[in-house]
Amino acid sequence: MARENPQQLRQLIAQQAARMMAEDGISDYAYAKKKAGRQVGTIDNSALPSNAEIEEELKLYNALFLSDEQPENLLKLRKSALFTMQLLEKFNPHLTGAVLDGIAGLGSETHIHLFADSLKEVEMFLLNKDIPFETNEKSYRVMNDGKRDKKCDSRKKVPVFSLEMASGVIKLSVFEVDEIRVATKRAADGSNAERADIEGVIALLNT
């Protein structure tokens, strides 16, 4: 069998990573591409595709192989997100990530940002509502204002509450109230991640 050239190998790995993200609920691009690389027999990081290449293959995979299931699942995830956001309305919830962007695979996690005066306030709210959760943290790339005409990326670790819902896992990242003005970065291409509040998600569901 002829050996793939480097570009063919990158595309093969991107396609395999996209399939795993679409079908298996994997949301971490780095994990998906490394696992896909091992499956095709390479551990050379220089042969691995970019996150943006994987995202493009993910969109193609959803369109070609999940043209019925993915839109139905996406609608279910967005409705579940809205329900959760309305429950947590006092914490100014904003939907973000693959569920907002429309590329969520089957079993994808839903990411919601909360903005609270304290982490304890969110924890007590969930406990008082008898909502079971697990705690962890997530590292975000954020855009910080630097000197005049200069902005700089940095990383910020944010506490996360994970909820097991009928639609799948919902992850609540808890930011400080004034961090609503701080943009988080998309893993796929480093651009500013979109956020949608309750009214935005309602409008999305009505389109």
Protein backbone atom coordinates (compact mmCIF):
# COMPACT_ATOMS: atom_id res chain seq x y z
CA MET A 1 0.00 0.00 0.00
CA ALA A 2 1.37 3.41 -0.91
CA ARG A 3 2.50 5.55 1.98
CA GLU A 4 0.43 8.71 2.55
CA ASN A 5 2.16 12.00 1.90
CA PRO A 6 2.31 14.46 4.84
CA GLN A 7 -0.75 16.42 3.74
CA GLN A 8 -2.81 13.24 3.26
CA LEU A 9 -1.70 12.07 6.70
CA ARG A 10 -2.74 15.35 8.32
CA GLN A 11 -6.15 15.12 6.65
CA LEU A 12 -6.57 11.49 7.70
CA ILE A 13 -5.79 12.36 11.31
CA ALA A 14 -8.13 15.39 11.17
CA GLN A 15 -10.94 13.20 9.80
CA GLN A 16 -10.39 10.55 12.48
CA ALA A 17 -10.29 13.17 15.24
CA ALA A 18 -13.45 14.80 13.88
CA ARG A 19 -15.25 11.44 13.84
CA MET A 20 -14.38 10.89 17.51
CA MET A 21 -15.55 14.37 18.43
CA ALA A 22 -18.79 13.91 16.50
CA GLU A 23 -19.63 10.39 17.67
CA ASP A 24 -17.94 9.91 21.05
CA GLY A 25 -18.53 13.24 22.77
CA ILE A 26 -14.83 14.16 22.92
CA SER A 27 -14.46 17.93 23.22
CA ASP A 28 -10.71 18.30 23.71
CA TYR A 29 -8.99 18.95 20.38
CA ALA A 30 -5.52 18.03 21.69
CA TYR A 31 -6.72 14.70 23.08
CA ALA A 32 -8.67 13.87 19.91
CA LYS A 33 -5.79 14.62 17.54
CA LYS A 34 -3.22 12.69 19.61
CA LYS A 35 -5.53 9.68 19.89
CA ALA A 36 -6.24 9.84 16.15
CA GLY A 37 -2.52 10.11 15.45
CA ARG A 38 -1.82 6.97 17.45
CA GLN A 39 -4.59 5.14 15.61
CA VAL A 40 -3.03 5.89 12.23
CA GLY A 41 0.44 5.10 13.51
CA THR A 42 2.14 8.43 14.13
CA ILE A 43 3.17 10.25 17.30
CA ASP A 44 5.02 13.02 15.46
CA ASN A 45 3.45 16.30 16.63
CA SER A 46 4.53 18.02 13.40
CA ALA A 47 2.26 15.63 11.47
CA LEU A 48 -0.80 16.52 13.53
CA PRO A 49 -3.45 18.84 12.06
CA SER A 50 -4.38 22.17 13.59
CA ASN A 51 -7.53 22.58 15.65
CA ALA A 52 -9.01 24.65 12.82
CA GLU A 53 -8.45 21.79 10.35
CA ILE A 54 -10.22 19.40 12.71
CA GLU A 55 -13.13 21.81 13.13
CA GLU A 56 -13.59 21.98 9.36
CA GLU A 57 -13.61 18.17 9.15
CA LEU A 58 -16.08 18.08 12.04
CA LYS A 59 -18.49 20.34 10.15
CA LEU A 60 -18.15 18.09 7.09
CA TYR A 61 -18.66 14.94 9.14
CA ASN A 62 -21.83 16.31 10.74
CA ALA A 63 -23.18 17.31 7.32
CA LEU A 64 -22.30 14.03 5.58
CA PHE A 65 -22.91 11.36 8.20
CA LEU A 66 -25.11 12.93 10.88
CA SER A 67 -27.38 15.15 8.80
CA ASP A 68 -30.46 13.97 10.72
CA GLU A 69 -29.10 13.08 14.16
CA GLN A 70 -26.83 16.07 14.73
CA PRO A 71 -29.44 18.84 14.24
CA GLU A 72 -31.92 16.96 16.43
CA ASN A 73 -29.32 16.43 19.13
CA LEU A 74 -28.19 20.06 18.89
CA LEU A 75 -31.75 21.24 19.43
CA LYS A 76 -32.06 19.01 22.50
CA LEU A 77 -28.77 20.34 23.89
CA ARG A 78 -29.81 23.97 23.33
CA LYS A 79 -33.20 23.43 25.00
CA SER A 80 -31.49 21.79 27.98
CA ALA A 81 -29.02 24.68 28.12
CA LEU A 82 -31.87 27.20 28.14
CA PHE A 83 -33.64 25.34 30.97
CA THR A 84 -30.43 25.33 33.01
CA MET A 85 -29.72 29.00 32.27
CA GLN A 86 -33.22 30.04 33.33
CA LEU A 87 -32.73 28.11 36.57
CA LEU A 88 -29.44 29.93 37.16
CA GLU A 89 -30.66 33.32 35.90
CA LYS A 90 -29.38 35.22 38.96
CA PHE A 91 -25.79 34.38 37.89
CA ASN A 92 -26.08 36.01 34.44
CA PRO A 93 -25.55 32.73 32.52
CA HIS A 94 -24.12 32.74 28.99
CA LEU A 95 -23.99 29.76 26.65
CA THR A 96 -20.73 29.26 24.78
CA GLY A 97 -18.77 26.58 22.94
CA ALA A 98 -19.86 23.93 20.44
CA VAL A 99 -23.55 23.95 21.45
CA LEU A 100 -23.77 27.67 20.69
CA ASP A 101 -21.58 27.43 17.59
CA GLY A 102 -23.78 24.63 16.18
CA ILE A 103 -21.05 21.99 15.77
CA ALA A 104 -21.74 19.94 18.89
CA GLY A 105 -21.40 16.22 18.30
CA LEU A 106 -23.48 13.43 19.79
CA GLY A 107 -22.73 13.36 23.50
CA SER A 108 -21.02 16.76 23.50
CA GLU A 109 -20.65 18.69 26.71
CA THR A 110 -22.56 21.94 27.10
CA HIS A 111 -20.57 24.90 28.40
CA ILE A 112 -22.23 27.73 30.29
CA HIS A 113 -20.40 30.68 31.86
CA LEU A 114 -21.74 32.07 35.13
CA PHE A 115 -20.78 35.42 36.68
CA ALA A 116 -21.08 35.45 40.46
CA ASP A 117 -19.90 37.42 43.47
CA SER A 118 -18.51 34.21 44.96
CA LEU A 119 -18.07 30.55 44.12
CA LYS A 120 -19.76 29.63 47.40
CA GLU A 121 -22.92 31.43 46.29
CA VAL A 122 -23.25 29.15 43.25
CA GLU A 123 -22.41 26.06 45.30
CA MET A 124 -25.04 26.85 47.92
CA PHE A 125 -27.63 27.54 45.22
CA LEU A 126 -27.05 24.09 43.66
CA LEU A 127 -27.12 22.39 47.07
CA ASN A 128 -30.36 24.14 48.06
CA LYS A 129 -31.94 23.02 44.77
CA ASP A 130 -30.75 19.42 45.40
CA ILE A 131 -28.83 19.46 42.12
CA PRO A 132 -25.95 16.96 42.29
CA PHE A 133 -22.64 18.17 40.90
CA GLU A 134 -18.94 17.46 40.67
CA THR A 135 -16.28 20.15 40.97
CA ASN A 136 -13.20 20.68 38.87
CA GLU A 137 -11.49 23.52 37.05
CA LYS A 138 -10.86 24.54 33.47
CA SER A 139 -8.00 26.53 31.99
CA TYR A 140 -9.16 29.27 29.61
CA ARG A 141 -7.14 31.37 27.23
CA VAL A 142 -8.32 34.92 27.79
CA MET A 143 -7.60 38.27 26.19
CA ASN A 144 -6.37 40.80 28.72
CA ASP A 145 -6.06 44.51 28.07
CA GLY A 146 -2.41 45.44 28.02
CA LYS A 147 -0.76 48.75 27.34
CA ARG A 148 -2.20 51.17 24.83
CA ASP A 149 -2.86 49.54 21.44
CA LYS A 150 -1.63 46.21 22.79
CA LYS A 151 -3.51 43.21 24.06
CA CYS A 152 -2.05 39.98 25.36
CA ASP A 153 -3.22 36.41 25.82
CA SER A 154 -2.97 34.72 29.19
CA ARG A 155 -4.37 31.63 30.84
CA LYS A 156 -6.88 31.63 33.66
CA LYS A 157 -8.04 28.67 35.72
CA VAL A 158 -11.74 28.83 36.48
CA PRO A 159 -13.75 26.63 38.89
CA VAL A 160 -16.30 24.40 37.19
CA PHE A 161 -19.44 22.62 38.38
CA SER A 162 -20.35 19.59 36.25
CA LEU A 163 -24.03 18.58 36.12
CA GLU A 164 -25.30 15.27 34.75
CA MET A 165 -28.46 16.10 32.82
CA ALA A 166 -30.68 13.91 30.65
CA SER A 167 -29.16 15.59 27.60
CA GLY A 168 -25.59 15.01 28.78
CA VAL A 169 -22.98 16.81 30.86
CA ILE A 170 -23.39 20.55 31.43
CA LYS A 171 -20.31 22.38 32.70
CA LEU A 172 -20.76 25.64 34.59
CA SER A 173 -17.62 27.77 34.62
CA VAL A 174 -17.82 30.39 37.36
CA PHE A 175 -16.21 33.76 36.63
CA GLU A 176 -16.16 36.90 38.73
CA VAL A 177 -18.96 39.36 37.97
CA ASP A 178 -16.79 41.92 36.18
CA GLU A 179 -15.16 39.24 34.01
CA ILE A 180 -18.15 39.40 31.66
CA ARG A 181 -15.96 41.93 29.81
CA VAL A 182 -13.06 39.48 29.44
CA ALA A 183 -13.15 37.49 26.21
CA THR A 184 -12.27 33.80 26.29
CA LYS A 185 -10.62 32.29 23.23
CA ARG A 186 -11.89 29.49 20.98
CA ALA A 187 -9.72 26.36 21.01
CA ALA A 188 -10.17 25.91 17.26
CA ASP A 189 -8.68 29.15 15.99
CA GLY A 190 -7.90 31.47 18.89
CA SER A 191 -10.64 33.96 18.02
CA ASN A 192 -12.89 35.41 20.72
CA ALA A 193 -15.51 32.86 21.76
CA GLU A 194 -19.13 33.87 21.26
CA ARG A 195 -21.43 34.01 24.28
CA ALA A 196 -25.23 34.12 24.31
CA ASP A 197 -27.41 35.12 27.23
CA ILE A 198 -30.90 33.75 27.90
CA GLU A 199 -32.54 36.05 25.36
CA GLY A 200 -29.90 35.10 22.80
CA VAL A 201 -30.52 31.38 23.25
CA ILE A 202 -34.30 31.90 23.02
CA ALA A 203 -33.78 33.78 19.75
CA LEU A 204 -31.52 30.98 18.52
CA LEU A 205 -34.20 28.39 19.24
CA ASN A 206 -36.79 30.48 17.42
CA THR A 207 -34.81 30.76 14.19
